[in-house]
N, C-alpha and C. Protein backbone atom coordinates (compact mmCIF):
# COMPACT_ATOMS: atom_id res chain seq x y z
N MET A 1 0.58 -1.21 -0.14
CA MET A 1 0.10 0.09 0.07
C MET A 1 0.83 1.24 -0.10
N GLN A 2 2.01 1.09 0.67
CA GLN A 2 2.75 2.55 0.70
C GLN A 2 3.58 2.67 -0.80
N GLU A 3 3.80 1.61 -1.27
CA GLU A 3 4.35 1.82 -2.72
C GLU A 3 3.54 2.66 -3.70
N VAL A 4 2.07 1.99 -3.83
CA VAL A 4 1.19 2.76 -4.26
C VAL A 4 0.68 4.28 -4.00
N SER A 5 0.77 4.37 -2.56
CA SER A 5 0.46 5.66 -2.06
C SER A 5 1.69 6.73 -2.29
N THR A 6 2.72 6.28 -2.74
CA THR A 6 3.90 7.03 -3.07
C THR A 6 3.80 7.32 -4.61
N GLN A 7 3.24 6.55 -5.27
CA GLN A 7 3.14 6.72 -6.89
C GLN A 7 2.16 7.76 -7.39
N ARG A 8 0.98 8.01 -6.59
CA ARG A 8 -0.05 8.88 -6.60
C ARG A 8 -0.77 9.28 -5.46
N GLU A 9 -1.20 10.35 -5.19
CA GLU A 9 -2.04 10.58 -4.10
C GLU A 9 -3.24 10.25 -4.16
N ILE A 10 -3.50 9.40 -2.88
CA ILE A 10 -4.80 8.86 -2.83
C ILE A 10 -5.87 9.54 -1.66
N PRO A 11 -6.69 10.35 -2.11
CA PRO A 11 -7.55 10.96 -1.00
C PRO A 11 -8.34 10.00 -0.05
N ASP A 12 -8.98 10.83 0.99
CA ASP A 12 -9.73 10.01 1.76
C ASP A 12 -10.97 10.02 1.36
N ILE A 13 -11.56 8.84 0.55
CA ILE A 13 -12.97 8.95 -0.02
C ILE A 13 -13.95 8.06 1.12
N LYS A 14 -14.77 8.89 1.08
CA LYS A 14 -15.87 8.35 1.86
C LYS A 14 -17.25 8.27 1.42
N PRO A 15 -18.53 7.18 1.79
CA PRO A 15 -19.61 7.53 1.06
C PRO A 15 -20.20 8.93 1.06
N GLY A 16 -21.01 9.33 -0.03
CA GLY A 16 -21.58 10.53 -0.01
C GLY A 16 -20.53 11.55 -0.74
N TYR A 17 -19.41 11.20 -1.13
CA TYR A 17 -18.55 11.97 -1.89
C TYR A 17 -18.71 11.81 -3.23
N ILE A 18 -18.55 13.00 -4.16
CA ILE A 18 -18.94 12.84 -5.47
C ILE A 18 -17.38 13.25 -6.02
N VAL A 19 -16.97 12.14 -6.80
CA VAL A 19 -15.58 11.99 -7.31
C VAL A 19 -15.25 11.69 -8.72
N GLN A 20 -14.15 12.30 -9.23
CA GLN A 20 -13.78 12.36 -10.62
C GLN A 20 -12.70 11.23 -10.74
N LEU A 21 -12.68 10.42 -11.62
CA LEU A 21 -11.48 9.29 -11.65
C LEU A 21 -11.08 9.58 -13.20
N LYS A 22 -9.89 9.30 -13.24
CA LYS A 22 -9.41 9.04 -14.73
C LYS A 22 -8.83 7.84 -14.67
N VAL A 23 -9.24 7.01 -15.76
CA VAL A 23 -9.38 5.49 -15.58
C VAL A 23 -8.54 5.06 -16.94
N GLU A 24 -7.50 4.39 -16.83
CA GLU A 24 -7.22 3.83 -18.03
C GLU A 24 -7.90 2.63 -18.48
N VAL A 25 -8.37 2.71 -19.73
CA VAL A 25 -9.06 1.51 -20.42
C VAL A 25 -8.06 0.25 -20.43
N PRO A 26 -8.41 -1.04 -19.79
CA PRO A 26 -7.72 -1.98 -19.96
C PRO A 26 -7.27 -2.37 -21.52
N GLU A 27 -8.35 -2.36 -22.36
CA GLU A 27 -8.08 -3.04 -23.55
C GLU A 27 -6.93 -1.92 -24.54
N ASN A 28 -7.04 -0.79 -24.39
CA ASN A 28 -6.32 0.26 -24.98
C ASN A 28 -5.63 1.18 -24.06
N LYS A 29 -4.11 1.03 -23.52
CA LYS A 29 -3.35 1.69 -22.68
C LYS A 29 -3.00 3.23 -22.87
N ARG A 30 -3.57 3.47 -24.02
CA ARG A 30 -3.44 5.01 -24.25
C ARG A 30 -4.67 5.97 -24.19
N ARG A 31 -5.81 5.24 -24.04
CA ARG A 31 -7.02 6.01 -23.82
C ARG A 31 -7.20 6.00 -22.22
N ILE A 32 -7.64 7.26 -21.82
CA ILE A 32 -8.06 7.39 -20.74
C ILE A 32 -9.28 7.84 -20.58
N SER A 33 -10.19 7.21 -19.73
CA SER A 33 -11.66 7.74 -19.78
C SER A 33 -11.86 8.31 -18.27
N ILE A 34 -12.70 9.49 -18.31
CA ILE A 34 -13.06 10.06 -16.93
C ILE A 34 -14.58 9.80 -16.70
N VAL A 35 -14.37 9.17 -15.37
CA VAL A 35 -15.74 8.78 -14.67
C VAL A 35 -16.14 9.62 -13.55
N LYS A 36 -17.26 10.14 -13.30
CA LYS A 36 -17.65 10.95 -12.57
C LYS A 36 -18.96 10.39 -11.80
N GLY A 37 -18.97 10.21 -10.40
CA GLY A 37 -20.23 9.64 -9.75
C GLY A 37 -19.91 9.81 -8.33
N ILE A 38 -20.91 9.16 -7.67
CA ILE A 38 -20.95 9.45 -6.07
C ILE A 38 -20.69 8.00 -5.38
N VAL A 39 -19.90 8.08 -4.34
CA VAL A 39 -19.38 6.83 -3.80
C VAL A 39 -20.61 6.28 -2.77
N ILE A 40 -20.90 5.05 -3.05
CA ILE A 40 -22.21 4.58 -2.52
C ILE A 40 -21.35 3.63 -1.19
N THR A 41 -20.39 2.77 -1.42
CA THR A 41 -19.79 2.28 -0.32
C THR A 41 -18.41 2.22 -0.60
N ARG A 42 -17.66 1.78 0.71
CA ARG A 42 -16.31 1.76 0.61
C ARG A 42 -15.67 0.86 1.61
N PRO A 43 -15.84 -0.54 1.36
CA PRO A 43 -15.52 -1.37 2.30
C PRO A 43 -13.70 -1.74 2.45
N ASN A 44 -13.33 -1.51 3.69
CA ASN A 44 -11.89 -1.58 3.94
C ASN A 44 -11.06 -2.96 3.83
N ALA A 45 -10.19 -3.25 3.27
CA ALA A 45 -9.63 -4.62 3.27
C ALA A 45 -8.20 -4.48 2.75
N GLY A 46 -7.59 -3.69 3.48
CA GLY A 46 -6.30 -3.23 3.24
C GLY A 46 -5.91 -2.95 1.85
N LEU A 47 -4.98 -3.97 1.30
CA LEU A 47 -4.72 -3.76 -0.15
C LEU A 47 -5.85 -3.79 -1.03
N ASN A 48 -6.94 -4.58 -0.90
CA ASN A 48 -7.93 -5.00 -1.59
C ASN A 48 -8.94 -4.05 -1.36
N THR A 49 -8.92 -2.95 -0.84
CA THR A 49 -9.85 -1.94 -0.49
C THR A 49 -10.49 -1.35 -1.89
N THR A 50 -12.04 -1.24 -1.94
CA THR A 50 -12.61 -1.03 -3.00
C THR A 50 -13.30 0.14 -2.67
N PHE A 51 -14.27 0.54 -3.64
CA PHE A 51 -15.34 1.67 -3.72
C PHE A 51 -16.15 1.33 -4.60
N ARG A 52 -17.48 1.70 -4.47
CA ARG A 52 -18.23 1.31 -5.59
C ARG A 52 -18.79 2.93 -5.91
N LEU A 53 -19.00 3.41 -7.21
CA LEU A 53 -19.14 4.45 -7.76
C LEU A 53 -20.54 4.39 -8.43
N ARG A 54 -21.47 5.18 -8.18
CA ARG A 54 -22.49 5.27 -9.14
C ARG A 54 -23.04 6.55 -9.82
N ARG A 55 -23.17 6.42 -11.02
CA ARG A 55 -23.32 7.43 -11.86
C ARG A 55 -24.39 7.41 -12.86
N LEU A 56 -24.78 8.38 -13.56
CA LEU A 56 -25.90 8.19 -14.74
C LEU A 56 -25.36 8.24 -16.08
N VAL A 57 -25.63 7.20 -16.94
CA VAL A 57 -25.30 7.15 -18.17
C VAL A 57 -26.23 7.32 -19.02
N ALA A 58 -26.68 8.12 -19.82
CA ALA A 58 -28.00 8.35 -20.67
C ALA A 58 -29.13 7.99 -19.91
N GLY A 59 -29.29 8.63 -18.75
CA GLY A 59 -30.31 8.66 -17.81
C GLY A 59 -30.54 7.20 -17.07
N VAL A 60 -29.57 6.26 -17.32
CA VAL A 60 -29.69 5.13 -16.75
C VAL A 60 -28.69 5.03 -15.40
N GLY A 61 -29.04 4.58 -14.29
CA GLY A 61 -27.98 4.42 -13.25
C GLY A 61 -27.24 3.40 -13.44
N VAL A 62 -25.90 3.63 -13.42
CA VAL A 62 -24.70 2.65 -13.43
C VAL A 62 -23.79 2.57 -12.36
N GLU A 63 -23.43 1.25 -11.80
CA GLU A 63 -22.78 1.10 -10.72
C GLU A 63 -21.34 0.38 -11.19
N SER A 64 -20.24 1.00 -10.70
CA SER A 64 -18.96 0.37 -10.96
C SER A 64 -18.11 0.31 -9.67
N LEU A 65 -17.65 -0.87 -9.58
CA LEU A 65 -16.73 -1.39 -8.46
C LEU A 65 -15.03 -1.09 -8.82
N PHE A 66 -14.59 -0.27 -8.18
CA PHE A 66 -13.12 0.09 -8.38
C PHE A 66 -12.09 -0.32 -7.36
N PRO A 67 -11.18 -0.76 -7.69
CA PRO A 67 -10.23 -1.18 -6.52
C PRO A 67 -9.46 0.28 -6.11
N LEU A 68 -9.21 0.57 -5.09
CA LEU A 68 -8.62 1.96 -4.52
C LEU A 68 -7.26 2.04 -4.87
N TYR A 69 -6.76 0.78 -5.06
CA TYR A 69 -4.95 0.75 -5.30
C TYR A 69 -4.84 0.31 -6.47
N SER A 70 -5.65 0.53 -7.36
CA SER A 70 -5.64 -0.16 -8.98
C SER A 70 -4.43 0.83 -9.79
N PRO A 71 -3.65 0.09 -10.43
CA PRO A 71 -2.70 0.92 -11.29
C PRO A 71 -3.30 1.29 -12.46
N ASN A 72 -4.57 0.95 -12.83
CA ASN A 72 -5.19 1.78 -13.69
C ASN A 72 -6.02 2.77 -13.57
N ILE A 73 -6.21 3.10 -12.60
CA ILE A 73 -6.56 4.68 -12.12
C ILE A 73 -5.50 5.45 -11.90
N GLU A 74 -5.66 6.59 -12.73
CA GLU A 74 -4.59 7.60 -12.85
C GLU A 74 -4.70 8.76 -11.84
N GLU A 75 -5.86 9.24 -11.65
CA GLU A 75 -6.11 10.30 -10.69
C GLU A 75 -7.50 10.06 -9.97
N ILE A 76 -7.42 10.52 -8.77
CA ILE A 76 -8.90 10.71 -7.80
C ILE A 76 -8.99 11.99 -7.28
N LYS A 77 -10.27 12.45 -7.99
CA LYS A 77 -10.59 13.75 -7.59
C LYS A 77 -11.55 14.24 -6.72
N VAL A 78 -11.64 14.79 -5.69
CA VAL A 78 -12.91 14.85 -4.73
C VAL A 78 -13.55 16.16 -5.34
N LEU A 79 -14.88 16.10 -6.07
CA LEU A 79 -15.34 17.18 -6.51
C LEU A 79 -16.48 18.00 -5.55
N ASP A 80 -17.03 17.05 -4.65
CA ASP A 80 -18.14 17.63 -3.60
C ASP A 80 -18.17 16.53 -2.45
N LYS A 81 -18.49 17.03 -1.32
CA LYS A 81 -18.90 16.38 -0.32
C LYS A 81 -20.29 16.45 0.36
N LYS A 82 -21.01 15.53 0.25
CA LYS A 82 -22.41 15.32 0.59
C LYS A 82 -22.46 14.75 1.91
N LYS A 83 -23.21 15.67 2.84
CA LYS A 83 -23.27 14.95 4.10
C LYS A 83 -24.44 13.92 4.18
N VAL A 84 -23.77 12.86 4.73
CA VAL A 84 -24.64 11.36 4.79
C VAL A 84 -24.54 10.81 6.17
N ARG A 85 -25.54 10.07 6.46
CA ARG A 85 -25.57 9.45 7.72
C ARG A 85 -25.39 7.99 7.80
N ARG A 86 -25.23 7.34 6.62
CA ARG A 86 -25.05 6.12 6.61
C ARG A 86 -23.85 5.73 5.94
N ALA A 87 -23.35 4.42 6.18
CA ALA A 87 -22.17 3.82 5.52
C ALA A 87 -22.33 3.17 4.16
N LYS A 88 -23.54 2.77 3.68
CA LYS A 88 -23.77 2.01 2.50
C LYS A 88 -25.15 2.98 2.00
N LEU A 89 -24.91 3.57 0.93
CA LEU A 89 -25.97 4.66 0.47
C LEU A 89 -26.65 3.72 -0.73
N TYR A 90 -27.04 2.54 -0.38
CA TYR A 90 -28.03 1.77 -1.29
C TYR A 90 -29.43 2.34 -1.77
N TYR A 91 -29.75 3.34 -0.94
CA TYR A 91 -31.10 3.91 -1.23
C TYR A 91 -30.96 4.95 -2.44
N LEU A 92 -29.75 5.18 -2.72
CA LEU A 92 -29.52 6.20 -4.12
C LEU A 92 -29.99 5.39 -5.30
N ARG A 93 -30.26 4.15 -5.34
CA ARG A 93 -30.43 3.30 -6.47
C ARG A 93 -31.79 3.90 -6.87
N ASP A 94 -32.61 4.15 -5.82
CA ASP A 94 -33.84 4.77 -6.23
C ASP A 94 -33.78 6.03 -6.57
N LYS A 95 -32.96 6.84 -5.94
CA LYS A 95 -33.14 8.27 -6.05
C LYS A 95 -31.72 8.81 -6.53
N MET A 96 -31.50 9.15 -7.77
CA MET A 96 -30.27 9.64 -8.28
C MET A 96 -30.32 11.36 -8.82
N ASN A 97 -30.80 11.95 -8.04
CA ASN A 97 -30.96 13.35 -8.26
C ASN A 97 -29.79 14.16 -7.68
N ALA A 98 -29.00 13.46 -6.96
CA ALA A 98 -27.75 14.04 -6.42
C ALA A 98 -26.63 14.32 -7.53
N LEU A 99 -26.74 13.75 -8.41
CA LEU A 99 -25.78 14.11 -9.65
C LEU A 99 -26.35 14.80 -10.67
N LYS A 100 -27.74 14.92 -10.91
CA LYS A 100 -28.42 15.87 -11.68
C LYS A 100 -28.20 17.37 -11.57
N LYS A 101 -27.75 17.71 -10.46
CA LYS A 101 -27.85 19.35 -10.20
C LYS A 101 -26.61 19.71 -10.65
N GLN A 102 -25.32 18.94 -10.85
CA GLN A 102 -24.23 19.53 -11.38
C GLN A 102 -24.03 19.28 -13.17
């Protein structure tokens, strides 16, 4: 984990944060895709720590699971911090208006 932390800065991501990722597409190493969404969960498991990102694609909600220390993630940028009282925001599957404001 310390090796990966020295290669790029990993911000403290919590559920309710709206983040923007720059992800290398595994099929084509030269293309970088930008993914923006709200963090729903973040289970801690050491090096295998993941976070689930929910976003809207063409009006349809899409969830993606990303490993936090993945070498395919170029940059993680926190755009906004929403105040939440839960650790798992599964109720956002029914309500996705949090991202429509931006």
